[in-house]
Amino acid sequence: MKMEKKFARTRNAIAAAASLSLLTMAGNCADAKTQGPAAASNAEKQTVTQNKFYCNIKALNPAERARHKQLTDKLLALRRETVQSENGYEFQYSPKDVSLSELADWVVAEGKCCPFFDFHIDLEREGALLCLRLTGEEGIKPFIRAEFSIGTK
C-alpha cells in the first residue's frame, strides 16, 4: 500500500512537472536543518531530529537547493493564512503573489528531500485562492511547525 501511494505521488508530481513546464529546482533542507527556525521551540526541534522525519540534504544538487530556498522563502513570506488540519497544515496563497507553477516546482523539490510528506495543491474560489496542504503520518505536525515557522497556539 505504501508503495502504491508513493508511486501515485511520484506520478502526480511528474505529471504536474510536465504540464506546468517546471523550472530547475533548488533546496532549502540543508539550511532548515542546520539553522532551524527561530520560532520553533526546543521540544519541537528535539522531536524533529529524533524521529523518522528528516530531510535528505543530498537529494538536491547545489543549484536545485538554491532555487528551492528561494521558493521556500517566497512561500513563507507570502503565506496569507495557515490552517491546521487533523494530520497537517494548509498554506493559503493569492495566485497573484504565488503562481501554480512555482508551487508545483516547490513540491517536486521538497518531495525529493522530504519524501515523507503528502502534498495536495488546490486552486479554489474560481482561481482566487491557491492552497498547499502538507500532511503525513502521525507525528508530522511538530515537524511541519518547526520547518515552516508556525507558531503554536
N, C-alpha and C. Protein backbone atom coordinates (compact mmCIF):
# COMPACT_ATOMS: atom_id res chain seq x y z
N MET A 1 0.81 -1.19 0.00
CA MET A 1 0.00 0.00 0.00
C MET A 1 0.86 1.26 0.00
N LYS A 2 1.93 1.26 0.82
CA LYS A 2 2.82 2.42 0.85
C LYS A 2 3.46 2.64 -0.50
N MET A 3 3.84 1.55 -1.19
CA MET A 3 4.48 1.66 -2.50
C MET A 3 3.50 2.24 -3.51
N GLU A 4 2.24 1.82 -3.47
CA GLU A 4 1.24 2.36 -4.39
C GLU A 4 1.04 3.85 -4.15
N LYS A 5 1.00 4.24 -2.88
CA LYS A 5 0.83 5.64 -2.53
C LYS A 5 2.03 6.46 -3.02
N LYS A 6 3.23 5.91 -2.82
CA LYS A 6 4.45 6.59 -3.26
C LYS A 6 4.46 6.70 -4.78
N PHE A 7 4.07 5.64 -5.49
CA PHE A 7 4.02 5.67 -6.95
C PHE A 7 3.02 6.71 -7.42
N ALA A 8 1.84 6.75 -6.82
CA ALA A 8 0.82 7.73 -7.21
C ALA A 8 1.32 9.14 -6.98
N ARG A 9 1.98 9.39 -5.85
CA ARG A 9 2.51 10.72 -5.55
C ARG A 9 3.58 11.09 -6.56
N THR A 10 4.47 10.14 -6.89
CA THR A 10 5.52 10.40 -7.87
C THR A 10 4.92 10.66 -9.25
N ARG A 11 3.94 9.84 -9.64
CA ARG A 11 3.30 10.02 -10.94
C ARG A 11 2.63 11.39 -11.02
N ASN A 12 1.95 11.81 -9.96
CA ASN A 12 1.29 13.12 -9.95
C ASN A 12 2.31 14.25 -10.03
N ALA A 13 3.41 14.10 -9.33
CA ALA A 13 4.45 15.13 -9.37
C ALA A 13 5.05 15.24 -10.77
N ILE A 14 5.27 14.12 -11.41
CA ILE A 14 5.83 14.13 -12.77
C ILE A 14 4.84 14.75 -13.75
N ALA A 15 3.57 14.41 -13.61
CA ALA A 15 2.55 14.97 -14.48
C ALA A 15 2.47 16.48 -14.30
N ALA A 16 2.50 16.92 -13.06
CA ALA A 16 2.45 18.36 -12.80
C ALA A 16 3.68 19.05 -13.38
N ALA A 17 4.82 18.39 -13.25
CA ALA A 17 6.05 18.97 -13.77
C ALA A 17 5.98 19.14 -15.28
N ALA A 18 5.49 18.13 -15.96
CA ALA A 18 5.41 18.19 -17.42
C ALA A 18 4.41 19.23 -17.88
N SER A 19 3.23 19.25 -17.27
CA SER A 19 2.18 20.16 -17.74
C SER A 19 2.46 21.60 -17.39
N LEU A 20 3.24 21.84 -16.39
CA LEU A 20 3.50 23.22 -15.96
C LEU A 20 4.87 23.73 -16.38
N SER A 21 5.61 22.92 -17.17
CA SER A 21 6.96 23.30 -17.61
C SER A 21 7.81 23.76 -16.43
N LEU A 22 8.03 22.82 -15.52
CA LEU A 22 8.71 23.16 -14.27
C LEU A 22 10.11 23.72 -14.51
N LEU A 23 10.46 24.62 -13.64
CA LEU A 23 11.78 25.22 -13.65
C LEU A 23 12.76 24.34 -12.88
N THR A 24 14.02 24.57 -13.02
CA THR A 24 15.01 23.86 -12.23
C THR A 24 14.84 24.24 -10.77
N MET A 25 14.85 23.21 -9.92
CA MET A 25 14.55 23.43 -8.51
C MET A 25 15.82 23.62 -7.68
N ALA A 26 15.60 24.16 -6.48
CA ALA A 26 16.70 24.30 -5.53
C ALA A 26 16.22 23.97 -4.14
N GLY A 27 17.12 23.63 -3.28
CA GLY A 27 16.68 23.13 -1.97
C GLY A 27 16.99 24.02 -0.80
N ASN A 28 16.19 23.90 0.19
CA ASN A 28 16.33 24.65 1.42
C ASN A 28 16.56 23.73 2.61
N CYS A 29 16.52 22.44 2.39
CA CYS A 29 16.56 21.50 3.51
C CYS A 29 17.84 21.64 4.33
N ALA A 30 18.98 21.83 3.68
CA ALA A 30 20.22 21.94 4.44
C ALA A 30 20.17 23.13 5.38
N ASP A 31 19.68 24.27 4.89
CA ASP A 31 19.57 25.45 5.74
C ASP A 31 18.60 25.21 6.87
N ALA A 32 17.47 24.58 6.59
CA ALA A 32 16.46 24.32 7.62
C ALA A 32 17.02 23.44 8.72
N LYS A 33 17.82 22.45 8.36
CA LYS A 33 18.35 21.52 9.36
C LYS A 33 19.48 22.13 10.17
N THR A 34 20.32 22.96 9.54
CA THR A 34 21.47 23.49 10.26
C THR A 34 21.12 24.69 11.10
N GLN A 35 20.16 25.50 10.67
CA GLN A 35 19.84 26.72 11.39
C GLN A 35 18.60 26.57 12.24
N GLY A 36 17.56 25.93 11.70
CA GLY A 36 16.30 25.79 12.43
C GLY A 36 15.62 27.12 12.60
N PRO A 37 14.30 27.19 12.42
CA PRO A 37 13.59 28.44 12.55
C PRO A 37 13.59 28.92 14.00
N ALA A 38 13.70 30.22 14.16
CA ALA A 38 13.74 30.81 15.49
C ALA A 38 12.44 30.55 16.24
N ALA A 39 11.34 30.42 15.53
CA ALA A 39 10.04 30.25 16.16
C ALA A 39 9.83 28.86 16.76
N ALA A 40 10.63 27.90 16.37
CA ALA A 40 10.44 26.53 16.86
C ALA A 40 10.94 26.41 18.29
N SER A 41 10.18 25.72 19.10
CA SER A 41 10.60 25.51 20.49
C SER A 41 11.66 24.42 20.54
N ASN A 42 12.37 24.34 21.66
CA ASN A 42 13.38 23.30 21.83
C ASN A 42 12.77 21.91 21.73
N ALA A 43 11.57 21.75 22.30
CA ALA A 43 10.91 20.44 22.25
C ALA A 43 10.62 20.05 20.82
N GLU A 44 10.16 21.01 20.01
CA GLU A 44 9.87 20.71 18.61
C GLU A 44 11.14 20.35 17.87
N LYS A 45 12.21 21.08 18.10
CA LYS A 45 13.48 20.78 17.43
C LYS A 45 13.95 19.38 17.80
N GLN A 46 13.80 19.03 19.06
CA GLN A 46 14.21 17.71 19.50
C GLN A 46 13.37 16.63 18.81
N THR A 47 12.06 16.86 18.71
CA THR A 47 11.17 15.90 18.04
C THR A 47 11.59 15.73 16.58
N VAL A 48 11.91 16.83 15.93
CA VAL A 48 12.30 16.78 14.53
C VAL A 48 13.54 15.93 14.33
N THR A 49 14.51 16.07 15.21
CA THR A 49 15.76 15.36 15.00
C THR A 49 15.73 13.93 15.51
N GLN A 50 14.78 13.59 16.41
CA GLN A 50 14.79 12.27 16.99
C GLN A 50 13.75 11.32 16.40
N ASN A 51 13.02 11.70 15.38
CA ASN A 51 12.04 10.78 14.81
C ASN A 51 12.34 10.50 13.35
N LYS A 52 11.41 9.88 12.68
CA LYS A 52 11.63 9.44 11.30
C LYS A 52 11.54 10.54 10.26
N PHE A 53 11.16 11.74 10.65
CA PHE A 53 11.03 12.84 9.71
C PHE A 53 12.32 13.64 9.65
N TYR A 54 13.03 13.51 8.57
CA TYR A 54 14.25 14.28 8.40
C TYR A 54 14.48 14.51 6.90
N CYS A 55 15.15 15.60 6.60
CA CYS A 55 15.42 15.96 5.21
C CYS A 55 16.68 15.26 4.71
N ASN A 56 16.61 14.80 3.48
CA ASN A 56 17.78 14.23 2.81
C ASN A 56 18.44 15.38 2.06
N ILE A 57 19.43 15.99 2.68
CA ILE A 57 20.03 17.19 2.10
C ILE A 57 20.83 16.89 0.83
N LYS A 58 21.10 15.63 0.56
CA LYS A 58 21.84 15.26 -0.64
C LYS A 58 20.91 14.98 -1.83
N ALA A 59 19.60 15.11 -1.63
CA ALA A 59 18.65 14.81 -2.70
C ALA A 59 18.65 15.87 -3.80
N LEU A 60 19.12 17.07 -3.47
CA LEU A 60 19.15 18.17 -4.43
C LEU A 60 20.58 18.63 -4.62
N ASN A 61 20.91 18.96 -5.86
CA ASN A 61 22.25 19.49 -6.11
C ASN A 61 22.30 20.96 -5.67
N PRO A 62 23.47 21.57 -5.64
CA PRO A 62 23.56 22.96 -5.14
C PRO A 62 22.66 23.96 -5.88
N ALA A 63 22.55 23.84 -7.17
CA ALA A 63 21.68 24.76 -7.93
C ALA A 63 20.21 24.53 -7.57
N GLU A 64 19.81 23.27 -7.44
CA GLU A 64 18.44 22.96 -7.06
C GLU A 64 18.15 23.46 -5.65
N ARG A 65 19.11 23.29 -4.75
CA ARG A 65 18.94 23.77 -3.37
C ARG A 65 18.76 25.28 -3.32
N ALA A 66 19.55 25.98 -4.11
CA ALA A 66 19.45 27.45 -4.14
C ALA A 66 18.07 27.89 -4.64
N ARG A 67 17.58 27.27 -5.70
CA ARG A 67 16.26 27.61 -6.24
C ARG A 67 15.16 27.25 -5.24
N HIS A 68 15.31 26.09 -4.59
CA HIS A 68 14.30 25.66 -3.62
C HIS A 68 14.27 26.61 -2.42
N LYS A 69 15.42 27.06 -1.98
CA LYS A 69 15.48 28.02 -0.88
C LYS A 69 14.78 29.32 -1.27
N GLN A 70 15.03 29.76 -2.49
CA GLN A 70 14.38 30.98 -2.98
C GLN A 70 12.86 30.83 -2.96
N LEU A 71 12.37 29.70 -3.46
CA LEU A 71 10.93 29.46 -3.46
C LEU A 71 10.38 29.31 -2.04
N THR A 72 11.12 28.62 -1.18
CA THR A 72 10.68 28.45 0.21
C THR A 72 10.54 29.80 0.89
N ASP A 73 11.54 30.66 0.73
CA ASP A 73 11.49 32.00 1.32
C ASP A 73 10.27 32.77 0.81
N LYS A 74 10.01 32.66 -0.48
CA LYS A 74 8.85 33.35 -1.07
C LYS A 74 7.55 32.80 -0.49
N LEU A 75 7.44 31.48 -0.42
CA LEU A 75 6.21 30.87 0.10
C LEU A 75 5.98 31.22 1.57
N LEU A 76 7.04 31.25 2.35
CA LEU A 76 6.90 31.63 3.76
C LEU A 76 6.49 33.09 3.90
N ALA A 77 7.06 33.95 3.08
CA ALA A 77 6.78 35.39 3.18
C ALA A 77 5.38 35.76 2.68
N LEU A 78 4.89 35.06 1.68
CA LEU A 78 3.62 35.45 1.04
C LEU A 78 2.43 34.61 1.49
N ARG A 79 2.62 33.77 2.47
CA ARG A 79 1.53 32.94 3.00
C ARG A 79 0.47 33.86 3.59
N ARG A 80 -0.76 33.74 3.09
CA ARG A 80 -1.86 34.57 3.58
C ARG A 80 -2.44 34.02 4.88
N GLU A 81 -2.55 32.70 4.93
CA GLU A 81 -3.13 32.07 6.10
C GLU A 81 -2.60 30.65 6.22
N THR A 82 -2.54 30.18 7.46
CA THR A 82 -2.17 28.79 7.74
C THR A 82 -3.33 28.17 8.49
N VAL A 83 -3.83 27.06 7.97
CA VAL A 83 -4.97 26.38 8.58
C VAL A 83 -4.51 24.99 9.02
N GLN A 84 -4.74 24.70 10.29
CA GLN A 84 -4.38 23.39 10.82
C GLN A 84 -5.46 22.38 10.47
N SER A 85 -5.03 21.20 10.05
CA SER A 85 -5.97 20.10 9.79
C SER A 85 -5.63 18.96 10.75
N GLU A 86 -6.39 17.90 10.67
CA GLU A 86 -6.19 16.77 11.58
C GLU A 86 -4.79 16.17 11.46
N ASN A 87 -4.27 16.10 10.23
CA ASN A 87 -2.97 15.45 10.04
C ASN A 87 -1.96 16.32 9.29
N GLY A 88 -2.07 17.64 9.45
CA GLY A 88 -1.12 18.52 8.80
C GLY A 88 -1.55 19.97 8.83
N TYR A 89 -1.09 20.70 7.83
CA TYR A 89 -1.39 22.13 7.72
C TYR A 89 -1.66 22.48 6.26
N GLU A 90 -2.48 23.51 6.06
CA GLU A 90 -2.73 24.05 4.73
C GLU A 90 -2.22 25.49 4.72
N PHE A 91 -1.44 25.81 3.69
CA PHE A 91 -0.93 27.16 3.50
C PHE A 91 -1.70 27.77 2.33
N GLN A 92 -2.22 28.98 2.53
CA GLN A 92 -3.04 29.61 1.51
C GLN A 92 -2.32 30.81 0.92
N TYR A 93 -2.45 30.94 -0.41
CA TYR A 93 -1.77 31.99 -1.15
C TYR A 93 -2.72 32.64 -2.14
N SER A 94 -2.39 33.86 -2.51
CA SER A 94 -3.07 34.51 -3.62
C SER A 94 -2.33 34.13 -4.90
N PRO A 95 -3.06 33.66 -5.93
CA PRO A 95 -2.39 33.34 -7.20
C PRO A 95 -1.73 34.56 -7.84
N LYS A 96 -2.06 35.75 -7.36
CA LYS A 96 -1.40 36.97 -7.85
C LYS A 96 0.02 37.07 -7.30
N ASP A 97 0.25 36.45 -6.13
CA ASP A 97 1.55 36.51 -5.48
C ASP A 97 2.42 35.28 -5.74
N VAL A 98 1.78 34.12 -5.78
CA VAL A 98 2.47 32.84 -5.98
C VAL A 98 1.77 32.10 -7.10
N SER A 99 2.53 31.70 -8.11
CA SER A 99 1.92 31.01 -9.25
C SER A 99 1.78 29.51 -8.96
N LEU A 100 0.86 28.90 -9.65
CA LEU A 100 0.68 27.46 -9.55
C LEU A 100 1.96 26.74 -9.96
N SER A 101 2.63 27.25 -10.95
CA SER A 101 3.89 26.67 -11.41
C SER A 101 4.97 26.74 -10.32
N GLU A 102 5.07 27.87 -9.63
CA GLU A 102 6.06 27.99 -8.54
C GLU A 102 5.75 27.00 -7.42
N LEU A 103 4.47 26.88 -7.10
CA LEU A 103 4.08 25.95 -6.05
C LEU A 103 4.39 24.51 -6.46
N ALA A 104 4.11 24.17 -7.71
CA ALA A 104 4.42 22.82 -8.21
C ALA A 104 5.93 22.57 -8.21
N ASP A 105 6.71 23.57 -8.59
CA ASP A 105 8.17 23.45 -8.56
C ASP A 105 8.65 23.15 -7.15
N TRP A 106 8.10 23.89 -6.19
CA TRP A 106 8.49 23.70 -4.80
C TRP A 106 8.15 22.29 -4.33
N VAL A 107 6.96 21.81 -4.68
CA VAL A 107 6.51 20.48 -4.27
C VAL A 107 7.43 19.39 -4.83
N VAL A 108 7.80 19.51 -6.09
CA VAL A 108 8.67 18.49 -6.70
C VAL A 108 10.01 18.43 -5.96
N ALA A 109 10.61 19.58 -5.67
CA ALA A 109 11.90 19.59 -4.97
C ALA A 109 11.75 19.13 -3.53
N GLU A 110 10.73 19.61 -2.84
CA GLU A 110 10.51 19.23 -1.44
C GLU A 110 10.26 17.72 -1.34
N GLY A 111 9.57 17.18 -2.33
CA GLY A 111 9.30 15.75 -2.36
C GLY A 111 10.57 14.91 -2.50
N LYS A 112 11.60 15.48 -3.09
CA LYS A 112 12.88 14.78 -3.22
C LYS A 112 13.60 14.71 -1.88
N CYS A 113 13.64 15.82 -1.16
CA CYS A 113 14.40 15.83 0.09
C CYS A 113 13.56 15.41 1.29
N CYS A 114 12.24 15.51 1.19
CA CYS A 114 11.35 15.14 2.30
C CYS A 114 10.22 14.26 1.76
N PRO A 115 10.54 13.03 1.36
CA PRO A 115 9.55 12.17 0.71
C PRO A 115 8.44 11.68 1.63
N PHE A 116 8.53 11.94 2.91
CA PHE A 116 7.51 11.51 3.86
C PHE A 116 6.29 12.41 3.86
N PHE A 117 6.36 13.57 3.19
CA PHE A 117 5.20 14.47 3.08
C PHE A 117 4.22 13.94 2.04
N ASP A 118 2.94 14.16 2.30
CA ASP A 118 1.91 14.04 1.28
C ASP A 118 1.56 15.46 0.89
N PHE A 119 1.59 15.76 -0.41
CA PHE A 119 1.35 17.11 -0.91
C PHE A 119 -0.01 17.17 -1.60
N HIS A 120 -0.71 18.26 -1.37
CA HIS A 120 -2.01 18.48 -2.01
C HIS A 120 -2.04 19.94 -2.46
N ILE A 121 -2.24 20.16 -3.75
CA ILE A 121 -2.35 21.52 -4.28
C ILE A 121 -3.77 21.70 -4.78
N ASP A 122 -4.40 22.79 -4.35
CA ASP A 122 -5.76 23.09 -4.79
C ASP A 122 -5.84 24.52 -5.27
N LEU A 123 -6.58 24.72 -6.34
CA LEU A 123 -6.91 26.05 -6.84
C LEU A 123 -8.40 26.21 -6.58
N GLU A 124 -8.75 27.13 -5.69
CA GLU A 124 -10.13 27.25 -5.21
C GLU A 124 -10.69 28.64 -5.48
N ARG A 125 -11.97 28.77 -5.15
CA ARG A 125 -12.69 30.06 -5.25
C ARG A 125 -12.53 30.70 -6.62
N GLU A 126 -12.81 29.87 -7.62
CA GLU A 126 -12.76 30.33 -9.03
C GLU A 126 -11.39 30.91 -9.37
N GLY A 127 -10.36 30.29 -8.86
CA GLY A 127 -8.99 30.71 -9.18
C GLY A 127 -8.45 31.81 -8.29
N ALA A 128 -9.18 32.18 -7.25
CA ALA A 128 -8.75 33.29 -6.39
C ALA A 128 -7.94 32.83 -5.17
N LEU A 129 -7.83 31.52 -4.96
CA LEU A 129 -7.11 31.00 -3.79
C LEU A 129 -6.31 29.77 -4.20
N LEU A 130 -5.02 29.80 -3.90
CA LEU A 130 -4.12 28.69 -4.17
C LEU A 130 -3.71 28.10 -2.82
N CYS A 131 -3.92 26.80 -2.65
CA CYS A 131 -3.66 26.15 -1.36
C CYS A 131 -2.66 25.02 -1.50
N LEU A 132 -1.76 24.94 -0.54
CA LEU A 132 -0.82 23.83 -0.43
C LEU A 132 -1.08 23.18 0.92
N ARG A 133 -1.45 21.91 0.89
CA ARG A 133 -1.67 21.17 2.12
C ARG A 133 -0.55 20.15 2.27
N LEU A 134 0.09 20.18 3.43
CA LEU A 134 1.13 19.21 3.77
C LEU A 134 0.58 18.31 4.85
N THR A 135 0.59 17.01 4.58
CA THR A 135 0.12 16.03 5.55
C THR A 135 1.12 14.89 5.58
N GLY A 136 0.85 13.95 6.45
CA GLY A 136 1.73 12.79 6.54
C GLY A 136 1.30 11.89 7.68
N GLU A 137 2.20 11.01 8.02
CA GLU A 137 1.93 10.05 9.08
C GLU A 137 1.81 10.74 10.43
N GLU A 138 1.32 9.99 11.41
CA GLU A 138 1.19 10.52 12.76
C GLU A 138 2.53 11.08 13.22
N GLY A 139 2.50 12.24 13.82
CA GLY A 139 3.72 12.88 14.31
C GLY A 139 4.30 13.91 13.36
N ILE A 140 3.70 14.10 12.20
CA ILE A 140 4.24 15.03 11.20
C ILE A 140 4.04 16.50 11.60
N LYS A 141 3.01 16.79 12.36
CA LYS A 141 2.69 18.18 12.66
C LYS A 141 3.80 18.94 13.39
N PRO A 142 4.45 18.37 14.40
CA PRO A 142 5.56 19.11 15.02
C PRO A 142 6.69 19.41 14.02
N PHE A 143 6.94 18.49 13.11
CA PHE A 143 7.96 18.71 12.09
C PHE A 143 7.57 19.89 11.20
N ILE A 144 6.31 19.90 10.74
CA ILE A 144 5.84 21.00 9.88
C ILE A 144 5.92 22.32 10.63
N ARG A 145 5.48 22.34 11.89
CA ARG A 145 5.54 23.58 12.69
C ARG A 145 6.97 24.10 12.76
N ALA A 146 7.91 23.22 13.01
CA ALA A 146 9.31 23.64 13.14
C ALA A 146 9.89 24.11 11.81
N GLU A 147 9.65 23.35 10.77
CA GLU A 147 10.24 23.65 9.46
C GLU A 147 9.62 24.86 8.76
N PHE A 148 8.36 25.13 9.04
CA PHE A 148 7.66 26.19 8.32
C PHE A 148 7.24 27.35 9.22
N SER A 149 7.95 27.48 10.34
CA SER A 149 7.77 28.63 11.25
C SER A 149 6.32 28.89 11.60
N ILE A 150 5.65 27.87 12.09
CA ILE A 150 4.26 28.00 12.51
C ILE A 150 4.25 28.09 14.02
N GLY A 151 3.72 29.19 14.55
CA GLY A 151 3.61 29.34 16.00
C GLY A 151 2.54 28.44 16.55
N THR A 152 2.75 27.94 17.73
CA THR A 152 1.73 27.11 18.36
C THR A 152 0.79 28.00 19.16
N LYS A 153 -0.44 27.55 19.24
CA LYS A 153 -1.45 28.35 19.95
C LYS A 153 -1.67 27.82 21.33
